[in-house]
Amino acid sequence: MRKPRYSLSIHITNLFLILTTLVGVVLIAISYQHSRELLTGSAQELSNENSRKLESTYKQITAPILTTLDFMRSALSLTLITPPTKRHVG
């Protein structure tokens, strides 16, 4: 039995399809890499922004408490440092 022979146009078409498929796969890989880098950068920026907002909110919430504690500590240290005055009844 003779092996069927294919025409030259079929060989050229197959080579063209293989070439375009390879180029498509390479372009998809490059696009995926760029998209991943872009999303990673955006996620990092968003994370940093949220961190700054959270820190700012925390400072705003705790500032009155810390001020009160500092005042209480200084008042306590003043009462411990200064001796009590003697009162004379009379």
PDB file of N, CA and C in Angstrom:
ATOM      1  N   MET A   1       0.833  -1.171   0.000  1.00  0.00           N
ATOM      2  CA  MET A   1       0.000   0.000   0.000  1.00  0.00           C
ATOM      3  C   MET A   1       0.881   1.238   0.000  1.00  0.00           C
ATOM      4  N   ARG A   2       0.421   2.138  -0.779  1.00  0.00           N
ATOM      5  CA  ARG A   2       1.136   3.416  -0.861  1.00  0.00           C
ATOM      6  C   ARG A   2       0.644   4.366   0.213  1.00  0.00           C
ATOM      7  N   LYS A   3       1.572   5.082   0.768  1.00  0.00           N
ATOM      8  CA  LYS A   3       1.255   6.094   1.753  1.00  0.00           C
ATOM      9  C   LYS A   3       0.710   7.303   1.012  1.00  0.00           C
ATOM     10  N   PRO A   4      -0.427   7.894   1.503  1.00  0.00           N
ATOM     11  CA  PRO A   4      -0.975   9.042   0.779  1.00  0.00           C
ATOM     12  C   PRO A   4      -0.051  10.252   0.912  1.00  0.00           C
ATOM     13  N   ARG A   5       0.131  10.965  -0.162  1.00  0.00           N
ATOM     14  CA  ARG A   5       0.980  12.154  -0.177  1.00  0.00           C
ATOM     15  C   ARG A   5       0.089  13.386  -0.069  1.00  0.00           C
ATOM     16  N   TYR A   6       0.508  14.281   0.816  1.00  0.00           N
ATOM     17  CA  TYR A   6      -0.248  15.506   1.001  1.00  0.00           C
ATOM     18  C   TYR A   6       0.386  16.606   0.164  1.00  0.00           C
ATOM     19  N   SER A   7      -0.453  17.523  -0.218  1.00  0.00           N
ATOM     20  CA  SER A   7       0.060  18.597  -1.064  1.00  0.00           C
ATOM     21  C   SER A   7       0.877  19.592  -0.248  1.00  0.00           C
ATOM     22  N   LEU A   8       1.620  20.424  -0.915  1.00  0.00           N
ATOM     23  CA  LEU A   8       2.487  21.406  -0.277  1.00  0.00           C
ATOM     24  C   LEU A   8       1.667  22.440   0.499  1.00  0.00           C
ATOM     25  N   SER A   9       0.496  22.778  -0.013  1.00  0.00           N
ATOM     26  CA  SER A   9      -0.334  23.783   0.661  1.00  0.00           C
ATOM     27  C   SER A   9      -0.785  23.298   2.035  1.00  0.00           C
ATOM     28  N   ILE A  10      -1.039  22.023   2.189  1.00  0.00           N
ATOM     29  CA  ILE A  10      -1.440  21.489   3.492  1.00  0.00           C
ATOM     30  C   ILE A  10      -0.266  21.562   4.463  1.00  0.00           C
ATOM     31  N   HIS A  11       0.930  21.270   4.007  1.00  0.00           N
ATOM     32  CA  HIS A  11       2.115  21.371   4.867  1.00  0.00           C
ATOM     33  C   HIS A  11       2.356  22.819   5.294  1.00  0.00           C
ATOM     34  N   ILE A  12       2.215  23.728   4.367  1.00  0.00           N
ATOM     35  CA  ILE A  12       2.409  25.150   4.685  1.00  0.00           C
ATOM     36  C   ILE A  12       1.345  25.615   5.668  1.00  0.00           C
ATOM     37  N   THR A  13       0.104  25.193   5.479  1.00  0.00           N
ATOM     38  CA  THR A  13      -0.981  25.566   6.375  1.00  0.00           C
ATOM     39  C   THR A  13      -0.730  25.031   7.785  1.00  0.00           C
ATOM     40  N   ASN A  14      -0.289  23.787   7.894  1.00  0.00           N
ATOM     41  CA  ASN A  14       0.014  23.209   9.207  1.00  0.00           C
ATOM     42  C   ASN A  14       1.153  23.956   9.897  1.00  0.00           C
ATOM     43  N   LEU A  15       2.196  24.273   9.157  1.00  0.00           N
ATOM     44  CA  LEU A  15       3.307  25.024   9.734  1.00  0.00           C
ATOM     45  C   LEU A  15       2.856  26.419  10.186  1.00  0.00           C
ATOM     46  N   PHE A  16       2.001  27.054   9.391  1.00  0.00           N
ATOM     47  CA  PHE A  16       1.481  28.365   9.763  1.00  0.00           C
ATOM     48  C   PHE A  16       0.642  28.280  11.033  1.00  0.00           C
ATOM     49  N   LEU A  17      -0.200  27.271  11.148  1.00  0.00           N
ATOM     50  CA  LEU A  17      -1.019  27.091  12.348  1.00  0.00           C
ATOM     51  C   LEU A  17      -0.152  26.829  13.582  1.00  0.00           C
ATOM     52  N   ILE A  18       0.863  26.015  13.428  1.00  0.00           N
ATOM     53  CA  ILE A  18       1.767  25.744  14.547  1.00  0.00           C
ATOM     54  C   ILE A  18       2.496  27.021  14.960  1.00  0.00           C
ATOM     55  N   LEU A  19       2.962  27.779  13.982  1.00  0.00           N
ATOM     56  CA  LEU A  19       3.672  29.026  14.270  1.00  0.00           C
ATOM     57  C   LEU A  19       2.757  30.035  14.968  1.00  0.00           C
ATOM     58  N   THR A  20       1.539  30.211  14.465  1.00  0.00           N
ATOM     59  CA  THR A  20       0.616  31.165  15.097  1.00  0.00           C
ATOM     60  C   THR A  20       0.220  30.699  16.505  1.00  0.00           C
ATOM     61  N   THR A  21       0.096  29.395  16.713  1.00  0.00           N
ATOM     62  CA  THR A  21      -0.216  28.875  18.041  1.00  0.00           C
ATOM     63  C   THR A  21       0.924  29.162  19.010  1.00  0.00           C
ATOM     64  N   LEU A  22       2.147  28.951  18.579  1.00  0.00           N
ATOM     65  CA  LEU A  22       3.298  29.239  19.433  1.00  0.00           C
ATOM     66  C   LEU A  22       3.400  30.727  19.762  1.00  0.00           C
ATOM     67  N   VAL A  23       3.183  31.571  18.772  1.00  0.00           N
ATOM     68  CA  VAL A  23       3.223  33.018  19.009  1.00  0.00           C
ATOM     69  C   VAL A  23       2.110  33.415  19.977  1.00  0.00           C
ATOM     70  N   GLY A  24       0.934  32.831  19.813  1.00  0.00           N
ATOM     71  CA  GLY A  24      -0.181  33.120  20.723  1.00  0.00           C
ATOM     72  C   GLY A  24       0.128  32.705  22.145  1.00  0.00           C
ATOM     73  N   VAL A  25       0.727  31.536  22.317  1.00  0.00           N
ATOM     74  CA  VAL A  25       1.072  31.058  23.654  1.00  0.00           C
ATOM     75  C   VAL A  25       2.110  31.987  24.295  1.00  0.00           C
ATOM     76  N   VAL A  26       3.098  32.425  23.533  1.00  0.00           N
ATOM     77  CA  VAL A  26       4.116  33.329  24.056  1.00  0.00           C
ATOM     78  C   VAL A  26       3.477  34.669  24.446  1.00  0.00           C
ATOM     79  N   LEU A  27       2.604  35.195  23.615  1.00  0.00           N
ATOM     80  CA  LEU A  27       1.943  36.464  23.928  1.00  0.00           C
ATOM     81  C   LEU A  27       1.057  36.343  25.166  1.00  0.00           C
ATOM     82  N   ILE A  28       0.376  35.225  25.314  1.00  0.00           N
ATOM     83  CA  ILE A  28      -0.454  35.001  26.492  1.00  0.00           C
ATOM     84  C   ILE A  28       0.414  34.943  27.744  1.00  0.00           C
ATOM     85  N   ALA A  29       1.563  34.261  27.660  1.00  0.00           N
ATOM     86  CA  ALA A  29       2.464  34.161  28.813  1.00  0.00           C
ATOM     87  C   ALA A  29       3.001  35.540  29.200  1.00  0.00           C
ATOM     88  N   ILE A  30       3.386  36.333  28.221  1.00  0.00           N
ATOM     89  CA  ILE A  30       3.892  37.677  28.500  1.00  0.00           C
ATOM     90  C   ILE A  30       2.790  38.539  29.108  1.00  0.00           C
ATOM     91  N   SER A  31       1.593  38.452  28.563  1.00  0.00           N
ATOM     92  CA  SER A  31       0.467  39.219  29.083  1.00  0.00           C
ATOM     93  C   SER A  31       0.140  38.809  30.512  1.00  0.00           C
ATOM     94  N   TYR A  32       0.186  37.526  30.787  1.00  0.00           N
ATOM     95  CA  TYR A  32      -0.079  37.034  32.141  1.00  0.00           C
ATOM     96  C   TYR A  32       0.959  37.573  33.118  1.00  0.00           C
ATOM     97  N   GLN A  33       2.220  37.561  32.717  1.00  0.00           N
ATOM     98  CA  GLN A  33       3.293  38.056  33.587  1.00  0.00           C
ATOM     99  C   GLN A  33       3.105  39.540  33.893  1.00  0.00           C
ATOM    100  N   HIS A  34       2.802  40.327  32.878  1.00  0.00           N
ATOM    101  CA  HIS A  34       2.593  41.761  33.080  1.00  0.00           C
ATOM    102  C   HIS A  34       1.366  42.024  33.950  1.00  0.00           C
ATOM    103  N   SER A  35       0.312  41.290  33.741  1.00  0.00           N
ATOM    104  CA  SER A  35      -0.898  41.453  34.557  1.00  0.00           C
ATOM    105  C   SER A  35      -0.629  41.106  36.008  1.00  0.00           C
ATOM    106  N   ARG A  36       0.133  40.055  36.225  1.00  0.00           N
ATOM    107  CA  ARG A  36       0.457  39.649  37.587  1.00  0.00           C
ATOM    108  C   ARG A  36       1.300  40.713  38.285  1.00  0.00           C
ATOM    109  N   GLU A  37       2.272  41.282  37.582  1.00  0.00           N
ATOM    110  CA  GLU A  37       3.094  42.342  38.169  1.00  0.00           C
ATOM    111  C   GLU A  37       2.244  43.576  38.486  1.00  0.00           C
ATOM    112  N   LEU A  38       1.337  43.916  37.575  1.00  0.00           N
ATOM    113  CA  LEU A  38       0.466  45.077  37.794  1.00  0.00           C
ATOM    114  C   LEU A  38      -0.450  44.853  38.997  1.00  0.00           C
ATOM    115  N   LEU A  39      -1.034  43.679  39.096  1.00  0.00           N
ATOM    116  CA  LEU A  39      -1.926  43.385  40.222  1.00  0.00           C
ATOM    117  C   LEU A  39      -1.162  43.326  41.538  1.00  0.00           C
ATOM    118  N   THR A  40       0.045  42.801  41.510  1.00  0.00           N
ATOM    119  CA  THR A  40       0.852  42.754  42.722  1.00  0.00           C
ATOM    120  C   THR A  40       1.184  44.165  43.192  1.00  0.00           C
ATOM    121  N   GLY A  41       1.561  45.030  42.256  1.00  0.00           N
ATOM    122  CA  GLY A  41       1.855  46.422  42.608  1.00  0.00           C
ATOM    123  C   GLY A  41       0.632  47.131  43.150  1.00  0.00           C
ATOM    124  N   SER A  42      -0.515  46.935  42.515  1.00  0.00           N
ATOM    125  CA  SER A  42      -1.752  47.567  42.983  1.00  0.00           C
ATOM    126  C   SER A  42      -2.144  47.059  44.364  1.00  0.00           C
ATOM    127  N   ALA A  43      -2.003  45.766  44.583  1.00  0.00           N
ATOM    128  CA  ALA A  43      -2.333  45.193  45.889  1.00  0.00           C
ATOM    129  C   ALA A  43      -1.403  45.738  46.961  1.00  0.00           C
ATOM    130  N   GLN A  44      -0.124  45.902  46.633  1.00  0.00           N
ATOM    131  CA  GLN A  44       0.827  46.448  47.604  1.00  0.00           C
ATOM    132  C   GLN A  44       0.485  47.890  47.950  1.00  0.00           C
ATOM    133  N   GLU A  45       0.147  48.688  46.942  1.00  0.00           N
ATOM    134  CA  GLU A  45      -0.234  50.080  47.182  1.00  0.00           C
ATOM    135  C   GLU A  45      -1.498  50.162  48.041  1.00  0.00           C
ATOM    136  N   LEU A  46      -2.481  49.339  47.730  1.00  0.00           N
ATOM    137  CA  LEU A  46      -3.720  49.321  48.501  1.00  0.00           C
ATOM    138  C   LEU A  46      -3.463  48.874  49.943  1.00  0.00           C
ATOM    139  N   SER A  47      -2.594  47.899  50.108  1.00  0.00           N
ATOM    140  CA  SER A  47      -2.249  47.428  51.443  1.00  0.00           C
ATOM    141  C   SER A  47      -1.560  48.531  52.241  1.00  0.00           C
ATOM    142  N   ASN A  48      -0.646  49.241  51.610  1.00  0.00           N
ATOM    143  CA  ASN A  48       0.041  50.340  52.303  1.00  0.00           C
ATOM    144  C   ASN A  48      -0.935  51.453  52.677  1.00  0.00           C
ATOM    145  N   GLU A  49      -1.850  51.775  51.766  1.00  0.00           N
ATOM    146  CA  GLU A  49      -2.845  52.820  52.045  1.00  0.00           C
ATOM    147  C   GLU A  49      -3.750  52.422  53.200  1.00  0.00           C
ATOM    148  N   ASN A  50      -4.214  51.173  53.196  1.00  0.00           N
ATOM    149  CA  ASN A  50      -5.072  50.699  54.280  1.00  0.00           C
ATOM    150  C   ASN A  50      -4.309  50.680  55.603  1.00  0.00           C
ATOM    151  N   SER A  51      -3.039  50.340  55.556  1.00  0.00           N
ATOM    152  CA  SER A  51      -2.225  50.340  56.760  1.00  0.00           C
ATOM    153  C   SER A  51      -2.097  51.749  57.335  1.00  0.00           C
ATOM    154  N   ARG A  52      -1.854  52.721  56.458  1.00  0.00           N
ATOM    155  CA  ARG A  52      -1.760  54.111  56.923  1.00  0.00           C
ATOM    156  C   ARG A  52      -3.088  54.590  57.512  1.00  0.00           C
ATOM    157  N   LYS A  53      -4.206  54.237  56.868  1.00  0.00           N
ATOM    158  CA  LYS A  53      -5.514  54.639  57.379  1.00  0.00           C
ATOM    159  C   LYS A  53      -5.792  54.005  58.738  1.00  0.00           C
ATOM    160  N   LEU A  54      -5.454  52.740  58.865  1.00  0.00           N
ATOM    161  CA  LEU A  54      -5.678  52.035  60.123  1.00  0.00           C
ATOM    162  C   LEU A  54      -4.825  52.626  61.232  1.00  0.00           C
ATOM    163  N   GLU A  55      -3.571  52.932  60.934  1.00  0.00           N
ATOM    164  CA  GLU A  55      -2.699  53.534  61.932  1.00  0.00           C
ATOM    165  C   GLU A  55      -3.207  54.912  62.344  1.00  0.00           C
ATOM    166  N   SER A  56      -3.678  55.687  61.375  1.00  0.00           N
ATOM    167  CA  SER A  56      -4.212  57.014  61.672  1.00  0.00           C
ATOM    168  C   SER A  56      -5.462  56.915  62.554  1.00  0.00           C
ATOM    169  N   THR A  57      -6.345  56.003  62.216  1.00  0.00           N
ATOM    170  CA  THR A  57      -7.563  55.809  63.004  1.00  0.00           C
ATOM    171  C   THR A  57      -7.221  55.342  64.417  1.00  0.00           C
ATOM    172  N   TYR A  58      -6.268  54.445  64.522  1.00  0.00           N
ATOM    173  CA  TYR A  58      -5.845  53.949  65.839  1.00  0.00           C
ATOM    174  C   TYR A  58      -5.292  55.098  66.677  1.00  0.00           C
ATOM    175  N   LYS A  59      -4.463  55.930  66.061  1.00  0.00           N
ATOM    176  CA  LYS A  59      -3.905  57.065  66.805  1.00  0.00           C
ATOM    177  C   LYS A  59      -4.996  58.031  67.235  1.00  0.00           C
ATOM    178  N   GLN A  60      -5.994  58.267  66.372  1.00  0.00           N
ATOM    179  CA  GLN A  60      -7.080  59.170  66.722  1.00  0.00           C
ATOM    180  C   GLN A  60      -7.918  58.616  67.867  1.00  0.00           C
ATOM    181  N   ILE A  61      -8.116  57.326  67.874  1.00  0.00           N
ATOM    182  CA  ILE A  61      -8.942  56.710  68.917  1.00  0.00           C
ATOM    183  C   ILE A  61      -8.194  56.654  70.237  1.00  0.00           C
ATOM    184  N   THR A  62      -6.911  56.324  70.189  1.00  0.00           N
ATOM    185  CA  THR A  62      -6.167  56.130  71.432  1.00  0.00           C
ATOM    186  C   THR A  62      -5.541  57.407  71.981  1.00  0.00           C
ATOM    187  N   ALA A  63      -5.530  58.478  71.216  1.00  0.00           N
ATOM    188  CA  ALA A  63      -4.894  59.720  71.688  1.00  0.00           C
ATOM    189  C   ALA A  63      -5.518  60.235  72.987  1.00  0.00           C
ATOM    190  N   PRO A  64      -6.848  60.332  73.112  1.00  0.00           N
ATOM    191  CA  PRO A  64      -7.413  60.818  74.380  1.00  0.00           C
ATOM    192  C   PRO A  64      -7.092  59.891  75.557  1.00  0.00           C
ATOM    193  N   ILE A  65      -7.085  58.602  75.293  1.00  0.00           N
ATOM    194  CA  ILE A  65      -6.791  57.648  76.366  1.00  0.00           C
ATOM    195  C   ILE A  65      -5.348  57.807  76.824  1.00  0.00           C
ATOM    196  N   LEU A  66      -4.426  57.910  75.872  1.00  0.00           N
ATOM    197  CA  LEU A  66      -3.019  58.066  76.221  1.00  0.00           C
ATOM    198  C   LEU A  66      -2.765  59.385  76.937  1.00  0.00           C
ATOM    199  N   THR A  67      -3.455  60.426  76.508  1.00  0.00           N
ATOM    200  CA  THR A  67      -3.317  61.721  77.182  1.00  0.00           C
ATOM    201  C   THR A  67      -3.804  61.630  78.620  1.00  0.00           C
ATOM    202  N   THR A  68      -4.926  60.981  78.835  1.00  0.00           N
ATOM    203  CA  THR A  68      -5.462  60.819  80.178  1.00  0.00           C
ATOM    204  C   THR A  68      -4.512  59.999  81.041  1.00  0.00           C
ATOM    205  N   LEU A  69      -3.967  58.922  80.481  1.00  0.00           N
ATOM    206  CA  LEU A  69      -3.029  58.101  81.251  1.00  0.00           C
ATOM    207  C   LEU A  69      -1.759  58.871  81.590  1.00  0.00           C
ATOM    208  N   ASP A  70      -1.266  59.672  80.665  1.00  0.00           N
ATOM    209  CA  ASP A  70      -0.089  60.499  80.948  1.00  0.00           C
ATOM    210  C   ASP A  70      -0.381  61.505  82.050  1.00  0.00           C
ATOM    211  N   PHE A  71      -1.569  62.118  81.995  1.00  0.00           N
ATOM    212  CA  PHE A  71      -1.960  63.078  83.025  1.00  0.00           C
ATOM    213  C   PHE A  71      -2.056  62.400  84.388  1.00  0.00           C
ATOM    214  N   MET A  72      -2.661  61.209  84.418  1.00  0.00           N
ATOM    215  CA  MET A  72      -2.805  60.478  85.675  1.00  0.00           C
ATOM    216  C   MET A  72      -1.436  60.072  86.224  1.00  0.00           C
ATOM    217  N   ARG A  73      -0.526  59.673  85.343  1.00  0.00           N
ATOM    218  CA  ARG A  73       0.810  59.276  85.779  1.00  0.00           C
ATOM    219  C   ARG A  73       1.568  60.478  86.355  1.00  0.00           C
ATOM    220  N   SER A  74       1.465  61.617  85.677  1.00  0.00           N
ATOM    221  CA  SER A  74       2.172  62.802  86.172  1.00  0.00           C
ATOM    222  C   SER A  74       1.542  63.291  87.480  1.00  0.00           C
ATOM    223  N   ALA A  75       0.233  63.203  87.590  1.00  0.00           N
ATOM    224  CA  ALA A  75      -0.435  63.611  88.829  1.00  0.00           C
ATOM    225  C   ALA A  75      -0.044  62.682  89.971  1.00  0.00           C
ATOM    226  N   LEU A  76       0.052  61.386  89.679  1.00  0.00           N
ATOM    227  CA  LEU A  76       0.441  60.424  90.705  1.00  0.00           C
ATOM    228  C   LEU A  76       1.880  60.648  91.127  1.00  0.00           C
ATOM    229  N   SER A  77       2.745  60.907  90.166  1.00  0.00           N
ATOM    230  CA  SER A  77       4.150  61.130  90.510  1.00  0.00           C
ATOM    231  C   SER A  77       4.313  62.416  91.307  1.00  0.00           C
ATOM    232  N   LEU A  78       3.493  63.424  91.028  1.00  0.00           N
ATOM    233  CA  LEU A  78       3.555  64.667  91.805  1.00  0.00           C
ATOM    234  C   LEU A  78       3.096  64.445  93.238  1.00  0.00           C
ATOM    235  N   THR A  79       2.072  63.628  93.415  1.00  0.00           N
ATOM    236  CA  THR A  79       1.592  63.374  94.778  1.00  0.00           C
ATOM    237  C   THR A  79       2.580  62.517  95.541  1.00  0.00           C
ATOM    238  N   LEU A  80       3.339  61.663  94.873  1.00  0.00           N
ATOM    239  CA  LEU A  80       4.324  60.845  95.565  1.00  0.00           C
ATOM    240  C   LEU A  80       5.580  61.642  95.886  1.00  0.00           C
ATOM    241  N   ILE A  81       5.899  62.625  95.078  1.00  0.00           N
ATOM    242  CA  ILE A  81       7.119  63.408  95.280  1.00  0.00           C
ATOM    243  C   ILE A  81       6.924  64.464  96.359  1.00  0.00           C
ATOM    244  N   THR A  82       5.837  65.164  96.331  1.00  0.00           N
ATOM    245  CA  THR A  82       5.611  66.263  97.285  1.00  0.00           C
ATOM    246  C   THR A  82       5.138  65.685  98.600  1.00  0.00           C
ATOM    247  N   PRO A  83       5.762  66.085  99.694  1.00  0.00           N
ATOM    248  CA  PRO A  83       5.330  65.574 101.002  1.00  0.00           C
ATOM    249  C   PRO A  83       4.001  66.209 101.402  1.00  0.00           C
ATOM    250  N   PRO A  84       3.222  65.512 102.155  1.00  0.00           N
ATOM    251  CA  PRO A  84       1.956  66.092 102.602  1.00  0.00           C
ATOM    252  C   PRO A  84       2.227  67.251 103.571  1.00  0.00           C
ATOM    253  N   THR A  85       1.429  68.269 103.474  1.00  0.00           N
ATOM    254  CA  THR A  85       1.599  69.422 104.359  1.00  0.00           C
ATOM    255  C   THR A  85       0.845  69.166 105.665  1.00  0.00           C
ATOM    256  N   LYS A  86       1.416  69.664 106.733  1.00  0.00           N
ATOM    257  CA  LYS A  86       0.794  69.489 108.051  1.00  0.00           C
ATOM    258  C   LYS A  86      -0.202  70.616 108.276  1.00  0.00           C
ATOM    259  N   ARG A  87      -1.330  70.250 108.733  1.00  0.00           N
ATOM    260  CA  ARG A  87      -2.356  71.260 109.040  1.00  0.00           C
ATOM    261  C   ARG A  87      -2.360  71.508 110.539  1.00  0.00           C
ATOM    262  N   HIS A  88      -2.432  72.740 110.862  1.00  0.00           N
ATOM    263  CA  HIS A  88      -2.541  73.118 112.276  1.00  0.00           C
ATOM    264  C   HIS A  88      -3.979  73.509 112.562  1.00  0.00           C
ATOM    265  N   VAL A  89      -4.518  72.889 113.507  1.00  0.00           N
ATOM    266  CA  VAL A  89      -5.877  73.221 113.914  1.00  0.00           C
ATOM    267  C   VAL A  89      -5.779  74.258 115.024  1.00  0.00           C
ATOM    268  N   GLY A  90      -6.515  75.282 114.844  1.00  0.00           N
ATOM    269  CA  GLY A  90      -6.413  76.139 115.945  1.00  0.00           C
ATOM    270  C   GLY A  90      -6.820  77.488 115.811  1.00  0.00           C
TER     271      GLY A  90
END
